[in-house]
Protein backbone atom coordinates (compact mmCIF):
# COMPACT_ATOMS: atom_id res chain seq x y z
CA UNK A 1 0.00 0.00 0.00
CA UNK A 2 1.25 3.49 -0.82
CA UNK A 3 0.38 7.01 0.28
CA UNK A 4 0.89 9.70 -2.35
CA UNK A 5 1.09 13.36 -1.36
CA UNK A 6 1.97 16.16 -3.68
CA UNK A 7 1.33 19.43 -5.39
CA UNK A 8 0.26 20.27 -8.90
CA UNK A 9 1.02 23.56 -10.60
CA UNK A 10 -0.71 25.27 -13.49
CA UNK A 11 -0.13 28.68 -14.97
CA UNK A 12 -3.26 30.67 -15.71
CA UNK A 13 -3.49 33.82 -17.80
CA UNK A 14 -6.28 36.17 -18.72
CA UNK A 15 -7.48 39.71 -19.27
CA UNK A 16 -8.12 41.88 -16.23
CA UNK A 17 -8.90 45.53 -15.57
CA UNK A 18 -6.42 47.93 -14.04
CA UNK A 19 -6.62 51.67 -13.50
CA UNK A 20 -4.24 54.49 -14.36
CA UNK A 21 -4.68 58.27 -14.39
CA UNK A 22 -6.92 58.05 -17.47
CA UNK A 23 -9.26 55.41 -16.04
CA UNK A 24 -9.77 51.70 -16.61
CA UNK A 25 -7.41 49.84 -18.95
CA UNK A 26 -7.28 46.17 -19.97
CA UNK A 27 -4.20 44.26 -18.80
CA UNK A 28 -2.93 40.72 -19.27
CA UNK A 29 -2.22 38.92 -15.98
CA UNK A 30 -0.62 35.57 -15.25
CA UNK A 31 -0.67 33.57 -12.05
CA UNK A 32 0.74 30.24 -10.93
CA UNK A 33 -1.89 28.09 -9.21
CA UNK A 34 -0.61 25.55 -6.67
CA UNK A 35 -2.82 22.87 -5.17
CA UNK A 36 -2.11 20.01 -2.75
CA UNK A 37 -3.40 16.48 -3.25
CA UNK A 38 -3.27 13.22 -1.31
CA UNK A 39 -4.08 9.68 -2.33
CA UNK A 40 -3.81 6.01 -1.51
CA UNK A 41 -2.83 3.16 -3.83
CA UNK A 42 -3.32 -0.47 -2.84
CA UNK A 43 -3.06 -3.93 -4.37
CA UNK A 44 -6.40 -4.89 -5.89
CA UNK A 45 -7.91 -8.35 -5.83
CA UNK A 46 -6.91 -9.05 -9.45
CA UNK A 47 -3.20 -8.24 -8.94
CA UNK A 48 -3.36 -4.69 -10.27
CA UNK A 49 -3.18 -1.46 -8.30
CA UNK A 50 -6.32 0.43 -7.30
CA UNK A 51 -6.45 3.90 -5.79
CA UNK A 52 -8.26 7.06 -4.84
CA UNK A 53 -7.26 10.65 -4.37
CA UNK A 54 -8.55 13.68 -2.48
CA UNK A 55 -8.08 17.25 -3.60
CA UNK A 56 -10.00 20.42 -2.80
CA UNK A 57 -12.21 19.96 -5.89
CA UNK A 58 -13.33 16.55 -4.66
CA UNK A 59 -12.57 12.86 -4.59
CA UNK A 60 -11.37 10.86 -7.57
CA UNK A 61 -10.71 7.28 -8.52
CA UNK A 62 -7.34 6.23 -9.92
CA UNK A 63 -7.06 3.63 -12.65
CA UNK A 64 -4.39 2.23 -14.99
CA UNK A 65 -1.90 2.64 -12.13
CA UNK A 66 1.66 1.61 -12.92
CA UNK A 67 4.37 1.95 -10.29
CA UNK A 68 7.97 0.86 -10.75
CA UNK A 69 11.22 1.94 -9.19
CA UNK A 70 11.52 4.75 -11.74
CA UNK A 71 8.05 5.61 -13.08
CA UNK A 72 4.55 6.26 -11.72
CA UNK A 73 1.60 6.71 -14.06
CA UNK A 74 -2.14 6.73 -13.48
CA UNK A 75 -5.43 8.04 -14.81
CA UNK A 76 -7.63 10.15 -12.52
CA UNK A 77 -11.39 10.63 -12.79
CA UNK A 78 -13.28 12.90 -10.42
CA UNK A 79 -16.53 11.44 -9.10
CA UNK A 80 -18.50 14.49 -10.29
CA UNK A 81 -16.97 14.84 -13.78
CA UNK A 82 -16.81 12.77 -16.95
CA UNK A 83 -13.31 13.68 -18.15
CA UNK A 84 -10.03 11.90 -17.41
CA UNK A 85 -6.65 13.32 -16.37
CA UNK A 86 -3.41 11.46 -17.13
CA UNK A 87 -0.45 11.72 -14.72
CA UNK A 88 3.17 10.74 -15.39
CA UNK A 89 5.98 10.97 -12.82
CA UNK A 90 9.67 10.01 -12.87
CA UNK A 91 11.57 9.28 -9.67
CA UNK A 92 14.29 11.82 -8.91
CA UNK A 93 17.66 11.21 -7.24
CA UNK A 94 16.35 12.80 -4.01
CA UNK A 95 13.51 10.25 -3.80
CA UNK A 96 10.75 12.65 -4.88
CA UNK A 97 8.72 12.19 -8.05
CA UNK A 98 8.49 14.89 -10.71
CA UNK A 99 6.27 15.06 -13.77
CA UNK A 100 3.00 16.41 -14.95
CA UNK A 101 -0.59 15.89 -15.92
CA UNK A 102 -2.80 16.54 -18.92
CA UNK A 103 -6.48 16.36 -19.66
CA UNK A 104 -8.85 17.64 -22.29
CA UNK A 105 -10.91 19.68 -19.83
CA UNK A 106 -8.11 20.88 -17.54
CA UNK A 107 -5.14 21.37 -19.85
CA UNK A 108 -1.64 20.46 -18.79
CA UNK A 109 0.60 21.32 -15.89
CA UNK A 110 3.47 20.20 -13.72
CA UNK A 111 3.27 18.08 -10.59
CA UNK A 112 5.55 16.75 -7.87
CA UNK A 113 4.82 14.13 -5.24
CA UNK A 114 6.19 11.87 -2.57
CA UNK A 115 5.29 8.17 -2.59
CA UNK A 116 5.47 6.43 0.78
CA UNK A 117 5.06 2.67 1.14
CA UNK A 118 3.13 1.70 4.29
CA UNK A 119 1.95 -1.59 5.75
CA UNK A 120 -1.74 -2.45 5.34
CA UNK A 121 -2.06 -2.15 9.12
CA UNK A 122 -1.42 1.61 8.78
CA UNK A 123 -5.14 2.00 8.04
CA UNK A 124 -6.36 -0.51 10.65
CA UNK A 125 -8.30 0.86 13.58
CA UNK A 126 -6.66 -0.12 16.84
CA UNK A 127 -6.94 0.92 20.47
C-alpha atoms as a PDB file:
ATOM      1  CA  UNK A   1       0.000   0.000   0.000  1.00  0.00           C
ATOM      2  CA  UNK A   2       1.250   3.488  -0.821  1.00  0.00           C
ATOM      3  CA  UNK A   3       0.384   7.006   0.280  1.00  0.00           C
ATOM      4  CA  UNK A   4       0.886   9.695  -2.350  1.00  0.00           C
ATOM      5  CA  UNK A   5       1.092  13.361  -1.356  1.00  0.00           C
ATOM      6  CA  UNK A   6       1.969  16.162  -3.683  1.00  0.00           C
ATOM      7  CA  UNK A   7       1.328  19.434  -5.395  1.00  0.00           C
ATOM      8  CA  UNK A   8       0.257  20.271  -8.903  1.00  0.00           C
ATOM      9  CA  UNK A   9       1.017  23.563 -10.597  1.00  0.00           C
ATOM     10  CA  UNK A  10      -0.713  25.266 -13.489  1.00  0.00           C
ATOM     11  CA  UNK A  11      -0.129  28.684 -14.970  1.00  0.00           C
ATOM     12  CA  UNK A  12      -3.257  30.672 -15.706  1.00  0.00           C
ATOM     13  CA  UNK A  13      -3.489  33.819 -17.797  1.00  0.00           C
ATOM     14  CA  UNK A  14      -6.280  36.175 -18.723  1.00  0.00           C
ATOM     15  CA  UNK A  15      -7.479  39.706 -19.271  1.00  0.00           C
ATOM     16  CA  UNK A  16      -8.122  41.881 -16.234  1.00  0.00           C
ATOM     17  CA  UNK A  17      -8.898  45.534 -15.572  1.00  0.00           C
ATOM     18  CA  UNK A  18      -6.423  47.931 -14.038  1.00  0.00           C
ATOM     19  CA  UNK A  19      -6.617  51.668 -13.496  1.00  0.00           C
ATOM     20  CA  UNK A  20      -4.244  54.488 -14.362  1.00  0.00           C
ATOM     21  CA  UNK A  21      -4.681  58.274 -14.392  1.00  0.00           C
ATOM     22  CA  UNK A  22      -6.919  58.053 -17.468  1.00  0.00           C
ATOM     23  CA  UNK A  23      -9.255  55.411 -16.041  1.00  0.00           C
ATOM     24  CA  UNK A  24      -9.769  51.697 -16.609  1.00  0.00           C
ATOM     25  CA  UNK A  25      -7.411  49.836 -18.946  1.00  0.00           C
ATOM     26  CA  UNK A  26      -7.283  46.171 -19.968  1.00  0.00           C
ATOM     27  CA  UNK A  27      -4.203  44.264 -18.796  1.00  0.00           C
ATOM     28  CA  UNK A  28      -2.928  40.722 -19.269  1.00  0.00           C
ATOM     29  CA  UNK A  29      -2.218  38.917 -15.983  1.00  0.00           C
ATOM     30  CA  UNK A  30      -0.622  35.567 -15.252  1.00  0.00           C
ATOM     31  CA  UNK A  31      -0.671  33.570 -12.045  1.00  0.00           C
ATOM     32  CA  UNK A  32       0.738  30.238 -10.932  1.00  0.00           C
ATOM     33  CA  UNK A  33      -1.888  28.086  -9.215  1.00  0.00           C
ATOM     34  CA  UNK A  34      -0.611  25.552  -6.669  1.00  0.00           C
ATOM     35  CA  UNK A  35      -2.823  22.866  -5.165  1.00  0.00           C
ATOM     36  CA  UNK A  36      -2.109  20.013  -2.754  1.00  0.00           C
ATOM     37  CA  UNK A  37      -3.400  16.478  -3.250  1.00  0.00           C
ATOM     38  CA  UNK A  38      -3.270  13.217  -1.310  1.00  0.00           C
ATOM     39  CA  UNK A  39      -4.076   9.683  -2.333  1.00  0.00           C
ATOM     40  CA  UNK A  40      -3.809   6.008  -1.510  1.00  0.00           C
ATOM     41  CA  UNK A  41      -2.831   3.163  -3.826  1.00  0.00           C
ATOM     42  CA  UNK A  42      -3.319  -0.475  -2.837  1.00  0.00           C
ATOM     43  CA  UNK A  43      -3.062  -3.930  -4.369  1.00  0.00           C
ATOM     44  CA  UNK A  44      -6.399  -4.886  -5.893  1.00  0.00           C
ATOM     45  CA  UNK A  45      -7.912  -8.349  -5.830  1.00  0.00           C
ATOM     46  CA  UNK A  46      -6.912  -9.046  -9.451  1.00  0.00           C
ATOM     47  CA  UNK A  47      -3.205  -8.238  -8.944  1.00  0.00           C
ATOM     48  CA  UNK A  48      -3.364  -4.692 -10.272  1.00  0.00           C
ATOM     49  CA  UNK A  49      -3.184  -1.463  -8.299  1.00  0.00           C
ATOM     50  CA  UNK A  50      -6.323   0.434  -7.296  1.00  0.00           C
ATOM     51  CA  UNK A  51      -6.455   3.899  -5.790  1.00  0.00           C
ATOM     52  CA  UNK A  52      -8.265   7.057  -4.840  1.00  0.00           C
ATOM     53  CA  UNK A  53      -7.263  10.653  -4.367  1.00  0.00           C
ATOM     54  CA  UNK A  54      -8.546  13.675  -2.481  1.00  0.00           C
ATOM     55  CA  UNK A  55      -8.082  17.249  -3.598  1.00  0.00           C
ATOM     56  CA  UNK A  56     -10.005  20.423  -2.799  1.00  0.00           C
ATOM     57  CA  UNK A  57     -12.214  19.962  -5.893  1.00  0.00           C
ATOM     58  CA  UNK A  58     -13.326  16.549  -4.658  1.00  0.00           C
ATOM     59  CA  UNK A  59     -12.569  12.861  -4.595  1.00  0.00           C
ATOM     60  CA  UNK A  60     -11.374  10.857  -7.565  1.00  0.00           C
ATOM     61  CA  UNK A  61     -10.708   7.275  -8.519  1.00  0.00           C
ATOM     62  CA  UNK A  62      -7.339   6.234  -9.921  1.00  0.00           C
ATOM     63  CA  UNK A  63      -7.056   3.630 -12.648  1.00  0.00           C
ATOM     64  CA  UNK A  64      -4.389   2.226 -14.987  1.00  0.00           C
ATOM     65  CA  UNK A  65      -1.897   2.644 -12.134  1.00  0.00           C
ATOM     66  CA  UNK A  66       1.664   1.614 -12.915  1.00  0.00           C
ATOM     67  CA  UNK A  67       4.367   1.946 -10.291  1.00  0.00           C
ATOM     68  CA  UNK A  68       7.966   0.863 -10.754  1.00  0.00           C
ATOM     69  CA  UNK A  69      11.224   1.943  -9.187  1.00  0.00           C
ATOM     70  CA  UNK A  70      11.523   4.748 -11.738  1.00  0.00           C
ATOM     71  CA  UNK A  71       8.050   5.613 -13.075  1.00  0.00           C
ATOM     72  CA  UNK A  72       4.553   6.260 -11.724  1.00  0.00           C
ATOM     73  CA  UNK A  73       1.596   6.714 -14.059  1.00  0.00           C
ATOM     74  CA  UNK A  74      -2.143   6.733 -13.483  1.00  0.00           C
ATOM     75  CA  UNK A  75      -5.429   8.045 -14.806  1.00  0.00           C
ATOM     76  CA  UNK A  76      -7.629  10.148 -12.523  1.00  0.00           C
ATOM     77  CA  UNK A  77     -11.388  10.634 -12.788  1.00  0.00           C
ATOM     78  CA  UNK A  78     -13.278  12.897 -10.419  1.00  0.00           C
ATOM     79  CA  UNK A  79     -16.531  11.439  -9.101  1.00  0.00           C
ATOM     80  CA  UNK A  80     -18.501  14.495 -10.287  1.00  0.00           C
ATOM     81  CA  UNK A  81     -16.965  14.837 -13.779  1.00  0.00           C
ATOM     82  CA  UNK A  82     -16.812  12.769 -16.953  1.00  0.00           C
ATOM     83  CA  UNK A  83     -13.306  13.683 -18.146  1.00  0.00           C
ATOM     84  CA  UNK A  84     -10.030  11.895 -17.409  1.00  0.00           C
ATOM     85  CA  UNK A  85      -6.653  13.318 -16.375  1.00  0.00           C
ATOM     86  CA  UNK A  86      -3.410  11.462 -17.133  1.00  0.00           C
ATOM     87  CA  UNK A  87      -0.450  11.715 -14.722  1.00  0.00           C
ATOM     88  CA  UNK A  88       3.166  10.740 -15.388  1.00  0.00           C
ATOM     89  CA  UNK A  89       5.984  10.970 -12.818  1.00  0.00           C
ATOM     90  CA  UNK A  90       9.675  10.014 -12.872  1.00  0.00           C
ATOM     91  CA  UNK A  91      11.573   9.278  -9.668  1.00  0.00           C
ATOM     92  CA  UNK A  92      14.291  11.818  -8.906  1.00  0.00           C
ATOM     93  CA  UNK A  93      17.665  11.205  -7.242  1.00  0.00           C
ATOM     94  CA  UNK A  94      16.354  12.805  -4.007  1.00  0.00           C
ATOM     95  CA  UNK A  95      13.508  10.254  -3.797  1.00  0.00           C
ATOM     96  CA  UNK A  96      10.745  12.650  -4.877  1.00  0.00           C
ATOM     97  CA  UNK A  97       8.716  12.191  -8.054  1.00  0.00           C
ATOM     98  CA  UNK A  98       8.488  14.894 -10.713  1.00  0.00           C
ATOM     99  CA  UNK A  99       6.270  15.056 -13.765  1.00  0.00           C
ATOM    100  CA  UNK A 100       2.998  16.415 -14.952  1.00  0.00           C
ATOM    101  CA  UNK A 101      -0.585  15.887 -15.921  1.00  0.00           C
ATOM    102  CA  UNK A 102      -2.803  16.538 -18.920  1.00  0.00           C
ATOM    103  CA  UNK A 103      -6.481  16.356 -19.661  1.00  0.00           C
ATOM    104  CA  UNK A 104      -8.850  17.642 -22.293  1.00  0.00           C
ATOM    105  CA  UNK A 105     -10.910  19.683 -19.829  1.00  0.00           C
ATOM    106  CA  UNK A 106      -8.109  20.883 -17.535  1.00  0.00           C
ATOM    107  CA  UNK A 107      -5.144  21.369 -19.853  1.00  0.00           C
ATOM    108  CA  UNK A 108      -1.642  20.464 -18.790  1.00  0.00           C
ATOM    109  CA  UNK A 109       0.600  21.319 -15.886  1.00  0.00           C
ATOM    110  CA  UNK A 110       3.466  20.201 -13.716  1.00  0.00           C
ATOM    111  CA  UNK A 111       3.273  18.075 -10.588  1.00  0.00           C
ATOM    112  CA  UNK A 112       5.545  16.746  -7.865  1.00  0.00           C
ATOM    113  CA  UNK A 113       4.820  14.134  -5.238  1.00  0.00           C
ATOM    114  CA  UNK A 114       6.194  11.870  -2.567  1.00  0.00           C
ATOM    115  CA  UNK A 115       5.289   8.172  -2.587  1.00  0.00           C
ATOM    116  CA  UNK A 116       5.473   6.429   0.782  1.00  0.00           C
ATOM    117  CA  UNK A 117       5.058   2.674   1.137  1.00  0.00           C
ATOM    118  CA  UNK A 118       3.134   1.701   4.285  1.00  0.00           C
ATOM    119  CA  UNK A 119       1.955  -1.592   5.745  1.00  0.00           C
ATOM    120  CA  UNK A 120      -1.742  -2.447   5.336  1.00  0.00           C
ATOM    121  CA  UNK A 121      -2.056  -2.147   9.120  1.00  0.00           C
ATOM    122  CA  UNK A 122      -1.422   1.607   8.782  1.00  0.00           C
ATOM    123  CA  UNK A 123      -5.140   1.995   8.042  1.00  0.00           C
ATOM    124  CA  UNK A 124      -6.357  -0.515  10.648  1.00  0.00           C
ATOM    125  CA  UNK A 125      -8.297   0.863  13.576  1.00  0.00           C
ATOM    126  CA  UNK A 126      -6.662  -0.123  16.840  1.00  0.00           C
ATOM    127  CA  UNK A 127      -6.937   0.917  20.470  1.00  0.00           C
END
